[in-house]
Amino acid sequence: MKNIVLPILVLCLTLSSCNKDEISVFDEPFVHINFNNVSTANINSSRRDIASYYIYLSSKPLEQDMQLDYSIIVGDGLKENVDFKILTTEYPMVFPIGINRRPIQIQWMDNVVDPSKDNTLTIQLNSNNLNITVGFPGPDANQSKLVLEKVNN
């Protein structure tokens, strides 16, 4: 008898507490940029490599290609072809049917930066032709942009 009562008691307690702190579930498509699950990342000023920063489409299969408008915003402390070079030139970025991940590639160059200036490069997702939510659903629109800040060693 004890073997039956205990599991039933645990099940009842579990079910009665499920409504507390309920999590909202979003069932709408969205597009976001994710780099190690952070919104800001430091880039060492002596870095010399090519990095890929991925944009993800989270959606059920689409019926047509999605075209994503995005911006690369460069702070006044960085110079293209001195501190970095944007290798991805596709604009708008097209997500063909069935493709859910696309990179923006940046070549980082070894160059000391002036710490008193804005040494950021921001990848900002703006809009798309299918009116899919940009960033995570919700009021904060998390992961709608990624800020990369070049810092000295």
Protein backbone atom coordinates (compact mmCIF):
# COMPACT_ATOMS: atom_id res chain seq x y z
CA MET A 1 0.00 0.00 0.00
CA LYS A 2 2.84 2.42 0.86
CA ASN A 3 4.35 1.73 -2.59
CA ILE A 4 1.20 3.11 -4.24
CA VAL A 5 0.39 6.04 -1.94
CA LEU A 6 3.80 7.71 -2.08
CA PRO A 7 3.94 8.05 -5.91
CA ILE A 8 0.35 9.34 -5.97
CA LEU A 9 1.16 11.91 -3.26
CA VAL A 10 4.26 13.08 -5.15
CA LEU A 11 2.26 13.34 -8.38
CA CYS A 12 -0.48 15.40 -6.67
CA LEU A 13 2.03 17.80 -5.12
CA THR A 14 3.85 18.19 -8.42
CA LEU A 15 0.68 18.93 -10.37
CA SER A 16 -0.61 21.41 -7.79
CA SER A 17 2.60 23.44 -7.94
CA CYS A 18 2.83 23.58 -11.73
CA ASN A 19 0.76 26.75 -12.08
CA LYS A 20 3.08 28.83 -9.92
CA ASP A 21 5.70 30.83 -11.83
CA GLU A 22 4.40 29.67 -15.18
CA ILE A 23 6.77 30.34 -18.08
CA SER A 24 5.44 32.15 -21.14
CA VAL A 25 5.94 30.19 -24.34
CA PHE A 26 6.35 32.05 -27.61
CA ASP A 27 5.29 30.17 -30.70
CA GLU A 28 6.21 32.79 -33.25
CA PRO A 29 9.14 32.77 -35.65
CA PHE A 30 12.10 35.01 -34.86
CA VAL A 31 15.58 35.81 -36.11
CA HIS A 32 18.46 36.55 -33.74
CA ILE A 33 22.23 36.86 -33.50
CA ASN A 34 23.95 34.66 -30.95
CA PHE A 35 27.61 34.61 -29.98
CA ASN A 36 28.28 32.52 -26.86
CA ASN A 37 24.92 33.69 -25.50
CA VAL A 38 26.19 37.21 -24.73
CA SER A 39 25.17 40.59 -26.09
CA THR A 40 28.65 42.15 -25.77
CA ALA A 41 32.02 40.51 -26.37
CA ASN A 42 35.60 41.78 -26.09
CA ILE A 43 38.00 41.37 -28.99
CA ASN A 44 41.70 41.48 -28.17
CA SER A 45 43.41 44.26 -30.16
CA SER A 46 46.22 41.88 -31.18
CA ARG A 47 43.80 39.35 -32.62
CA ARG A 48 44.56 38.33 -36.21
CA ASP A 49 41.97 35.91 -37.52
CA ILE A 50 38.59 35.54 -39.17
CA ALA A 51 35.56 35.14 -36.92
CA SER A 52 32.04 34.09 -37.81
CA TYR A 53 29.09 35.60 -35.96
CA TYR A 54 25.96 33.61 -36.67
CA ILE A 55 22.44 34.82 -37.28
CA TYR A 56 19.77 32.20 -36.63
CA LEU A 57 16.25 31.86 -37.96
CA SER A 58 14.02 30.06 -35.47
CA SER A 59 10.90 29.08 -37.37
CA LYS A 60 8.80 26.33 -38.79
CA PRO A 61 9.70 25.80 -42.46
CA LEU A 62 9.01 28.98 -44.40
CA GLU A 63 7.22 29.14 -47.74
CA GLN A 64 9.59 31.73 -49.19
CA ASP A 65 13.10 33.08 -48.69
CA MET A 66 13.60 35.57 -45.88
CA GLN A 67 15.65 38.69 -46.64
CA LEU A 68 17.20 40.22 -43.54
CA ASP A 69 18.23 43.88 -43.37
CA TYR A 70 21.07 44.47 -40.93
CA SER A 71 23.55 47.22 -40.09
CA ILE A 72 27.21 47.24 -39.14
CA ILE A 73 27.75 50.23 -36.83
CA VAL A 74 31.38 51.20 -36.28
CA GLY A 75 32.48 53.33 -33.32
CA ASP A 76 34.79 56.30 -33.90
CA GLY A 77 37.81 54.42 -32.50
CA LEU A 78 37.89 51.71 -35.18
CA LYS A 79 38.85 51.91 -38.83
CA GLU A 80 37.99 49.40 -41.52
CA ASN A 81 41.06 47.76 -43.12
CA VAL A 82 43.11 48.82 -40.06
CA ASP A 83 41.27 47.21 -37.15
CA PHE A 84 38.91 44.91 -39.03
CA LYS A 85 37.51 44.02 -42.42
CA ILE A 86 33.92 42.92 -43.04
CA LEU A 87 34.13 39.86 -45.28
CA THR A 88 30.38 39.25 -45.60
CA THR A 89 29.10 41.59 -48.28
CA GLU A 90 25.65 40.09 -48.89
CA TYR A 91 22.98 42.68 -48.23
CA PRO A 92 20.25 42.00 -47.54
CA MET A 93 21.22 38.63 -46.13
CA VAL A 94 19.05 35.93 -47.69
CA PHE A 95 17.88 32.89 -45.78
CA PRO A 96 16.81 30.48 -48.55
CA ILE A 97 14.01 28.06 -47.69
CA GLY A 98 15.44 25.39 -45.36
CA ILE A 99 18.47 27.44 -44.22
CA ASN A 100 18.31 28.54 -40.58
CA ARG A 101 21.83 29.84 -39.91
CA ARG A 102 23.98 32.38 -41.77
CA PRO A 103 27.32 33.94 -40.76
CA ILE A 104 28.65 37.44 -40.80
CA GLN A 105 32.41 37.06 -41.11
CA ILE A 106 34.85 39.63 -39.82
CA GLN A 107 38.61 39.59 -40.22
CA TRP A 108 40.23 41.09 -37.12
CA MET A 109 43.55 42.89 -37.56
CA ASP A 110 46.32 43.49 -35.06
CA ASN A 111 46.12 47.17 -34.12
CA VAL A 112 46.26 48.94 -30.75
CA VAL A 113 43.16 51.04 -30.04
CA ASP A 114 42.72 54.34 -28.23
CA PRO A 115 40.83 53.42 -25.02
CA SER A 116 39.27 56.90 -24.81
CA LYS A 117 37.31 56.29 -28.04
CA ASP A 118 34.33 54.11 -28.94
CA ASN A 119 36.04 50.90 -30.08
CA THR A 120 32.87 48.98 -30.78
CA LEU A 121 31.55 47.28 -33.86
CA THR A 122 27.84 46.47 -33.59
CA ILE A 123 25.96 44.00 -35.76
CA GLN A 124 22.34 45.19 -35.60
CA LEU A 125 19.48 43.13 -37.04
CA ASN A 126 16.85 45.55 -38.37
CA SER A 127 13.95 44.01 -40.27
CA ASN A 128 13.00 41.41 -42.86
CA ASN A 129 10.61 40.96 -45.75
CA LEU A 130 8.40 38.46 -43.86
CA ASN A 131 7.81 40.60 -40.76
CA ILE A 132 9.40 37.92 -38.58
CA THR A 133 10.26 39.13 -35.09
CA VAL A 134 13.82 40.47 -34.80
CA GLY A 135 15.50 39.30 -31.58
CA PHE A 136 13.87 37.02 -29.06
CA PRO A 137 10.12 37.52 -28.76
CA GLY A 138 9.19 39.78 -25.90
CA PRO A 139 9.64 43.42 -25.00
CA ASP A 140 13.45 43.32 -24.64
CA ALA A 141 14.17 41.91 -28.14
CA ASN A 142 17.28 40.22 -26.74
CA GLN A 143 19.86 39.10 -29.32
CA SER A 144 18.71 41.63 -31.90
CA LYS A 145 22.25 43.03 -31.85
CA LEU A 146 25.77 41.99 -30.94
CA VAL A 147 28.32 44.53 -29.73
CA LEU A 148 31.98 43.62 -30.28
CA GLU A 149 34.43 45.83 -28.40
CA LYS A 150 38.09 45.83 -29.36
CA VAL A 151 40.30 46.15 -26.26
CA ASN A 152 44.05 46.35 -25.73
CA ASN A 153 45.87 43.41 -24.11
